[in-house]
Amino acid sequence: MNNQPLIYSFVAKEKVVLAEQDWFSGNTRTVAIQCLAKLPSNSNKFTYSCDGHTFNFLVEKRFVFLVVANKGFGWSAPFVFLERVKEDFVQQYGSTIADEGPRLKEHMQYCINHPEKISKLTDFVDMKGIVMDNIEKVLDRCEKIELIVDKTETLHFEVGPISKLSNRMYAIRDMQAPTSMDSPMLFLMQPLHPLNTVDAADGRGDRTLHPNGVVRDVQLISPRPNRNELKFDHVAKKFSLPIKDAARDLKVSMSTLKFRCRELGIPKWPYRKIQSLETLIETMLELAPFGFQHMIGKVREEIEAIKLNPTLEIKYETERLRQEIYDSKYKRRRISEFTS
């Protein structure tokens, strides 16, 4: 067994080896090819251990990068080497694949000659992995919290009509309680329609008979829309409103609206961008006598473009125009203060 930390490496496309570097004779290449043929497809990093060596694979799209290292070299350091090879290979790929063999040798020699740098990069990779795991856990927890909030609001929405129905039933019971009634009360206690309602003569639906004999309209609550019923066109009409007001108009919770926006490819609610551009138009109208009115049409076109595609950012030219308008207003205000 040799004492070199890195022994063999190759670059392959799927199952075909494109370039390789072997510093020692032996069956290392044969074992590596066998491992390549058995690589699973559910991850992009794999490590096999055999006879005091680790066979470390890094998969990027259809390309496979391998390095065989001694176990004493650690578990993270080989992947630092593979990341260097991958970045270099991606930059150089397309010119010639035959040159990658000597480059593998250069990277292996660099990792052997600079163990302290590899150690620092290894610590960074380990820390990055821990941070990414924690971020995934937090995001998963947030999704569960949003789901609970959405279910709670749905339950509250459905309980409302049941509570009103219970109040009307208690009103019927209270009206039927007296045993001795005069003629007007007997008239009011004629057989009622179910749930103490009477048909409205004007065709507006059911109306509730109040305990004191006053007929009043029933406020029917429109059904809560399903999240999948929210199409892009429905949501786009509310882009000019804050997300809280938009959710109220669409009769969904804010968490439901945010989740649906992510499904529709809207990473961020565009109200602030649209409001910023509308404020810019108002300022341009104020400064119309000073030559800014010719850009109003372009800014309005940009607002419409953002409504159609909320992922668009405000154009650089518009940002420059806004800065020029701000400078112009500031200078005119200073001149006005000085002359007054």
Protein backbone atom coordinates (compact mmCIF):
# COMPACT_ATOMS: atom_id res chain seq x y z
CA MET A 1 0.00 0.00 0.00
CA ASN A 2 1.42 3.41 -1.02
CA ASN A 3 1.40 6.50 1.18
CA GLN A 4 0.35 9.04 -1.45
CA PRO A 5 -2.96 10.73 -0.51
CA LEU A 6 -4.27 10.77 -4.11
CA ILE A 7 -3.71 7.72 -6.30
CA TYR A 8 -5.94 7.76 -9.38
CA SER A 9 -8.51 10.05 -10.99
CA PHE A 10 -10.57 10.27 -14.15
CA VAL A 11 -13.26 12.28 -15.91
CA ALA A 12 -16.07 10.31 -17.58
CA LYS A 13 -19.18 11.08 -19.57
CA GLU A 14 -21.84 8.72 -18.24
CA LYS A 15 -20.03 5.32 -18.41
CA VAL A 16 -17.22 6.31 -20.82
CA VAL A 17 -13.88 7.51 -19.41
CA LEU A 18 -12.70 10.63 -21.24
CA ALA A 19 -9.45 11.38 -19.40
CA GLU A 20 -7.56 9.75 -16.54
CA GLN A 21 -4.39 9.95 -14.47
CA ASP A 22 -2.89 6.93 -12.68
CA TRP A 23 0.27 7.40 -10.62
CA PHE A 24 0.63 3.78 -9.50
CA SER A 25 0.18 0.40 -11.12
CA GLY A 26 -2.45 -1.96 -9.80
CA ASN A 27 -6.12 -2.79 -10.09
CA THR A 28 -7.31 0.66 -8.98
CA ARG A 29 -8.58 1.53 -12.46
CA THR A 30 -10.50 -1.76 -12.75
CA VAL A 31 -12.26 -1.23 -9.41
CA ALA A 32 -13.06 2.39 -10.33
CA ILE A 33 -14.65 1.33 -13.64
CA GLN A 34 -16.75 -1.28 -11.81
CA CYS A 35 -17.93 1.36 -9.32
CA LEU A 36 -18.73 3.73 -12.21
CA ALA A 37 -21.02 1.13 -13.76
CA LYS A 38 -22.96 0.77 -10.48
CA LEU A 39 -23.40 4.46 -9.60
CA PRO A 40 -26.93 5.25 -8.34
CA SER A 41 -28.85 8.14 -9.89
CA ASN A 42 -30.40 9.70 -6.77
CA SER A 43 -27.48 11.89 -5.66
CA ASN A 44 -24.46 13.72 -7.03
CA LYS A 45 -21.84 12.66 -4.46
CA PHE A 46 -20.78 9.10 -3.61
CA THR A 47 -17.95 7.49 -1.67
CA TYR A 48 -17.02 3.80 -1.72
CA SER A 49 -14.44 2.32 0.63
CA CYS A 50 -12.23 -0.61 -0.41
CA ASP A 51 -8.91 -1.94 0.94
CA GLY A 52 -7.91 1.24 2.78
CA HIS A 53 -8.89 3.50 -0.13
CA THR A 54 -11.89 5.70 -0.83
CA PHE A 55 -13.42 5.96 -4.31
CA ASN A 56 -14.99 9.42 -4.41
CA PHE A 57 -17.42 10.34 -7.21
CA LEU A 58 -18.82 13.77 -8.10
CA VAL A 59 -21.59 13.85 -10.74
CA GLU A 60 -22.34 17.06 -12.65
CA LYS A 61 -25.11 16.64 -15.25
CA ARG A 62 -23.82 13.78 -17.47
CA PHE A 63 -20.17 14.03 -16.40
CA VAL A 64 -18.59 11.98 -13.60
CA PHE A 65 -15.42 13.02 -11.76
CA LEU A 66 -13.52 10.43 -9.68
CA VAL A 67 -10.54 10.46 -7.38
CA VAL A 68 -9.15 7.49 -5.45
CA ALA A 69 -7.53 8.53 -2.17
CA ASN A 70 -6.10 6.98 0.96
CA LYS A 71 -8.52 6.85 3.89
CA GLY A 72 -6.11 8.99 5.89
CA PHE A 73 -6.73 11.87 3.48
CA GLY A 74 -10.20 12.30 4.99
CA TRP A 75 -13.71 12.29 3.56
CA SER A 76 -14.16 15.94 2.53
CA ALA A 77 -10.73 16.72 1.07
CA PRO A 78 -11.18 14.48 -2.02
CA PHE A 79 -14.32 16.43 -2.92
CA VAL A 80 -12.39 19.70 -2.70
CA PHE A 81 -10.08 18.24 -5.34
CA LEU A 82 -13.06 17.10 -7.44
CA GLU A 83 -14.66 20.56 -7.28
CA ARG A 84 -11.41 22.08 -8.61
CA VAL A 85 -11.32 19.54 -11.44
CA LYS A 86 -14.99 20.10 -12.27
CA GLU A 87 -14.65 23.89 -12.47
CA ASP A 88 -11.55 23.63 -14.64
CA PHE A 89 -13.11 20.98 -16.86
CA VAL A 90 -16.30 22.98 -17.40
CA GLN A 91 -14.27 26.03 -18.42
CA GLN A 92 -12.02 24.07 -20.78
CA TYR A 93 -14.60 21.61 -22.14
CA GLY A 94 -15.19 21.94 -25.85
CA SER A 95 -11.63 22.70 -26.87
CA THR A 96 -10.11 19.23 -26.41
CA ILE A 97 -10.75 16.44 -23.93
CA ALA A 98 -7.30 14.91 -24.39
CA ASP A 99 -5.70 17.79 -22.46
CA GLU A 100 -7.61 16.89 -19.31
CA GLY A 101 -5.26 14.02 -18.37
CA PRO A 102 -2.27 16.32 -17.63
CA ARG A 103 -4.63 18.73 -15.88
CA LEU A 104 -5.73 15.93 -13.56
CA LYS A 105 -2.08 15.41 -12.72
CA GLU A 106 -1.64 19.16 -12.00
CA HIS A 107 -4.63 19.23 -9.65
CA MET A 108 -3.48 16.09 -7.84
CA GLN A 109 0.00 17.56 -7.41
CA TYR A 110 -1.46 20.84 -6.14
CA CYS A 111 -3.58 19.08 -3.49
CA ILE A 112 -0.58 17.03 -2.36
CA ASN A 113 1.73 20.06 -2.14
CA HIS A 114 -0.77 22.34 -0.34
CA PRO A 115 -2.36 20.27 2.45
CA GLU A 116 -3.01 23.35 4.63
CA LYS A 117 -5.13 25.03 1.92
CA ILE A 118 -7.03 21.81 1.29
CA SER A 119 -7.67 21.54 5.04
CA LYS A 120 -9.14 25.07 5.13
CA LEU A 121 -11.33 24.35 2.12
CA THR A 122 -12.43 21.10 3.77
CA ASP A 123 -13.56 22.98 6.88
CA PHE A 124 -15.42 25.45 4.66
CA VAL A 125 -17.18 22.64 2.76
CA ASP A 126 -18.19 20.95 6.02
CA MET A 127 -19.53 24.23 7.43
CA LYS A 128 -21.39 24.95 4.18
CA GLY A 129 -23.04 21.53 4.35
CA ILE A 130 -24.19 22.15 7.94
CA VAL A 131 -25.59 25.59 7.01
CA MET A 132 -27.44 24.21 3.98
CA ASP A 133 -28.96 21.43 6.08
CA ASN A 134 -30.16 23.97 8.66
CA ILE A 135 -31.63 26.19 5.93
CA GLU A 136 -33.53 23.24 4.45
CA LYS A 137 -34.93 22.37 7.89
CA VAL A 138 -36.05 25.98 8.48
CA LEU A 139 -37.72 26.17 5.04
CA ASP A 140 -39.47 22.86 5.64
CA ARG A 141 -40.67 24.11 9.04
CA CYS A 142 -41.97 27.35 7.49
CA GLU A 143 -43.93 25.38 4.88
CA LYS A 144 -45.55 23.31 7.64
CA ILE A 145 -46.41 26.46 9.64
CA GLU A 146 -47.99 28.07 6.56
CA LEU A 147 -50.04 24.91 6.00
CA ILE A 148 -51.29 24.99 9.62
CA VAL A 149 -52.18 28.70 9.37
CA ASP A 150 -54.05 28.09 6.12
CA LYS A 151 -56.04 25.20 7.62
CA THR A 152 -56.84 27.29 10.71
CA GLU A 153 -58.17 30.17 8.62
CA THR A 154 -60.19 27.73 6.50
CA LEU A 155 -61.73 26.23 9.65
CA HIS A 156 -62.55 29.70 10.99
CA PHE A 157 -64.15 30.59 7.66
CA GLU A 158 -66.33 27.43 7.72
CA VAL A 159 -67.37 27.81 11.38
CA GLY A 160 -68.84 31.29 10.79
CA PRO A 161 -72.09 30.18 9.04
CA ILE A 162 -72.57 27.38 11.61
CA SER A 163 -72.41 29.94 14.45
CA LYS A 164 -75.02 32.14 12.74
CA LEU A 165 -77.26 29.10 12.18
CA SER A 166 -77.01 28.23 15.89
CA ASN A 167 -78.04 31.77 16.87
CA ARG A 168 -81.13 31.59 14.65
CA MET A 169 -82.15 28.24 16.17
CA TYR A 170 -81.91 29.72 19.66
CA ALA A 171 -84.09 32.62 18.49
CA ILE A 172 -86.78 30.15 17.30
CA ARG A 173 -86.71 28.36 20.65
CA ASP A 174 -87.08 31.62 22.59
CA MET A 175 -90.04 32.68 20.45
CA GLN A 176 -91.88 29.40 21.01
CA ALA A 177 -91.38 29.43 24.82
CA PRO A 178 -94.45 31.55 25.98
CA THR A 179 -97.68 29.63 26.72
CA SER A 180 -100.19 32.51 26.93
CA MET A 181 -100.10 34.97 24.05
CA ASP A 182 -102.44 37.56 22.72
CA SER A 183 -103.73 37.70 19.17
CA PRO A 184 -100.76 39.55 17.59
CA MET A 185 -98.27 37.07 19.06
CA LEU A 186 -100.33 34.13 17.75
CA PHE A 187 -100.09 35.70 14.31
CA LEU A 188 -96.30 35.88 14.62
CA MET A 189 -96.11 32.25 15.76
CA GLN A 190 -97.67 30.82 12.58
CA PRO A 191 -95.75 27.80 11.17
CA LEU A 192 -92.44 28.99 9.82
CA HIS A 193 -90.23 27.75 7.09
CA PRO A 194 -87.22 25.66 8.16
CA LEU A 195 -84.56 27.56 10.06
CA ASN A 196 -86.97 30.45 10.77
CA THR A 197 -86.71 31.90 7.25
CA VAL A 198 -89.32 33.15 4.78
CA ASP A 199 -89.09 33.42 1.03
CA ALA A 200 -88.42 36.94 -0.14
CA ALA A 201 -91.19 38.22 -2.36
CA ASP A 202 -88.79 40.28 -4.40
CA GLY A 203 -86.79 37.23 -5.53
CA ARG A 204 -83.64 38.04 -3.52
CA GLY A 205 -83.52 34.65 -1.81
CA ASP A 206 -84.20 33.76 1.86
CA ARG A 207 -84.64 36.34 4.61
CA THR A 208 -84.42 35.73 8.36
CA LEU A 209 -87.37 36.33 10.70
CA HIS A 210 -85.92 38.24 13.66
CA PRO A 211 -87.24 37.34 17.18
CA ASN A 212 -89.12 40.66 17.34
CA GLY A 213 -90.94 39.92 14.09
CA VAL A 214 -88.73 41.98 11.74
CA VAL A 215 -87.72 40.31 8.51
CA ARG A 216 -84.08 40.92 7.56
CA ASP A 217 -81.88 39.76 4.71
CA VAL A 218 -79.50 36.84 5.17
CA GLN A 219 -75.87 37.67 4.38
CA LEU A 220 -74.72 34.72 2.28
CA ILE A 221 -70.97 34.17 2.43
CA SER A 222 -69.37 33.38 -0.91
CA PRO A 223 -67.41 30.11 -0.92
CA ARG A 224 -63.68 30.26 -0.28
CA PRO A 225 -61.85 29.67 -3.59
CA ASN A 226 -59.55 26.71 -3.99
CA ARG A 227 -55.87 27.62 -4.25
CA ASN A 228 -55.59 25.99 -7.68
CA GLU A 229 -58.48 28.15 -8.93
CA LEU A 230 -56.27 31.24 -8.58
CA LYS A 231 -54.95 31.75 -12.09
CA PHE A 232 -52.22 34.19 -13.08
CA ASP A 233 -54.75 36.57 -14.65
CA HIS A 234 -56.72 36.75 -11.38
CA VAL A 235 -53.61 37.44 -9.32
CA ALA A 236 -52.15 39.93 -11.84
CA LYS A 237 -55.16 42.23 -11.42
CA LYS A 238 -54.12 42.78 -7.78
CA PHE A 239 -50.43 43.59 -8.36
CA SER A 240 -51.09 47.28 -7.75
CA LEU A 241 -52.32 46.50 -4.20
CA PRO A 242 -50.34 45.48 -1.11
CA ILE A 243 -50.33 41.72 -0.74
CA LYS A 244 -52.53 41.93 2.38
CA ASP A 245 -55.26 43.81 0.51
CA ALA A 246 -54.88 41.54 -2.51
CA ALA A 247 -55.38 38.44 -0.35
CA ARG A 248 -58.52 39.98 1.17
CA ASP A 249 -59.96 40.81 -2.26
CA LEU A 250 -59.17 37.31 -3.54
CA LYS A 251 -60.70 35.83 -0.32
CA VAL A 252 -57.63 33.77 0.58
CA SER A 253 -55.06 33.98 3.33
CA MET A 254 -51.73 35.72 2.80
CA SER A 255 -49.85 32.44 3.19
CA THR A 256 -52.06 30.81 0.55
CA LEU A 257 -51.50 33.71 -1.84
CA LYS A 258 -47.73 33.64 -1.31
CA PHE A 259 -47.62 29.87 -1.85
CA ARG A 260 -49.73 30.16 -5.01
CA CYS A 261 -47.48 32.96 -6.30
CA ARG A 262 -44.45 30.70 -5.97
CA GLU A 263 -46.32 28.01 -7.92
CA LEU A 264 -47.11 30.56 -10.65
CA GLY A 265 -43.46 31.65 -10.88
CA ILE A 266 -43.86 34.93 -8.97
CA PRO A 267 -40.97 34.93 -6.46
CA LYS A 268 -41.81 38.34 -4.98
CA TRP A 269 -45.00 40.38 -4.87
CA PRO A 270 -44.39 43.24 -7.36
CA TYR A 271 -46.44 45.92 -5.54
CA ARG A 272 -43.37 47.86 -4.37
CA LYS A 273 -41.83 48.00 -7.87
CA ILE A 274 -45.11 49.11 -9.42
CA GLN A 275 -45.75 51.66 -6.66
CA SER A 276 -42.21 53.00 -7.08
CA LEU A 277 -42.74 53.54 -10.81
CA GLU A 278 -46.15 55.14 -10.28
CA THR A 279 -44.58 57.56 -7.78
CA LEU A 280 -41.92 58.31 -10.39
CA ILE A 281 -44.65 59.16 -12.92
CA GLU A 282 -46.30 61.54 -10.42
CA THR A 283 -42.97 63.28 -9.88
CA MET A 284 -42.40 63.52 -13.63
CA LEU A 285 -45.82 65.15 -14.03
CA GLU A 286 -44.85 67.72 -11.39
CA LEU A 287 -41.62 68.46 -13.28
CA ALA A 288 -43.24 68.39 -16.74
CA PRO A 289 -42.28 72.03 -17.45
CA PHE A 290 -38.61 71.09 -17.00
CA GLY A 291 -38.50 68.46 -19.75
CA PHE A 292 -39.22 65.10 -18.09
CA GLN A 293 -42.69 64.46 -19.55
CA HIS A 294 -41.34 62.67 -22.67
CA MET A 295 -40.34 59.63 -20.55
CA ILE A 296 -43.74 59.07 -18.92
CA GLY A 297 -44.93 56.75 -21.70
CA LYS A 298 -41.87 54.49 -21.36
CA VAL A 299 -42.31 54.21 -17.59
CA ARG A 300 -45.97 53.26 -18.03
CA GLU A 301 -44.96 50.61 -20.57
CA GLU A 302 -42.49 49.26 -18.01
CA ILE A 303 -45.27 49.04 -15.40
CA GLU A 304 -47.41 47.00 -17.80
CA ALA A 305 -44.44 44.75 -18.61
CA ILE A 306 -43.87 44.07 -14.89
CA LYS A 307 -47.56 43.20 -14.46
CA LEU A 308 -47.23 40.65 -17.27
CA ASN A 309 -43.90 39.31 -15.97
CA PRO A 310 -43.35 40.11 -12.25
CA THR A 311 -39.82 38.67 -12.34
CA LEU A 312 -38.62 41.68 -14.34
CA GLU A 313 -36.51 44.23 -12.48
CA ILE A 314 -36.67 47.98 -12.96
CA LYS A 315 -34.52 48.92 -15.95
CA TYR A 316 -31.15 50.56 -15.45
CA GLU A 317 -32.24 53.51 -17.62
CA THR A 318 -35.26 54.05 -15.38
CA GLU A 319 -33.08 54.00 -12.27
CA ARG A 320 -30.80 56.60 -13.87
CA LEU A 321 -33.83 58.72 -14.77
CA ARG A 322 -35.11 58.54 -11.21
CA GLN A 323 -31.73 59.67 -9.87
CA GLU A 324 -31.67 62.58 -12.32
CA ILE A 325 -35.16 63.65 -11.27
CA TYR A 326 -34.20 63.41 -7.60
CA ASP A 327 -31.09 65.53 -8.21
CA SER A 328 -33.16 68.07 -10.17
CA LYS A 329 -35.76 68.38 -7.40
CA TYR A 330 -33.06 68.69 -4.75
CA LYS A 331 -31.22 71.43 -6.66
CA ARG A 332 -34.40 73.40 -7.36
CA ARG A 333 -35.45 73.14 -3.71
CA ARG A 334 -32.04 74.39 -2.56
CA ILE A 335 -32.17 77.30 -5.04
CA SER A 336 -35.68 78.17 -3.88
CA GLU A 337 -34.59 78.15 -0.22
CA PHE A 338 -31.54 80.29 -1.03
CA THR A 339 -33.47 82.90 -3.04
CA SER A 340 -36.27 83.12 -0.48
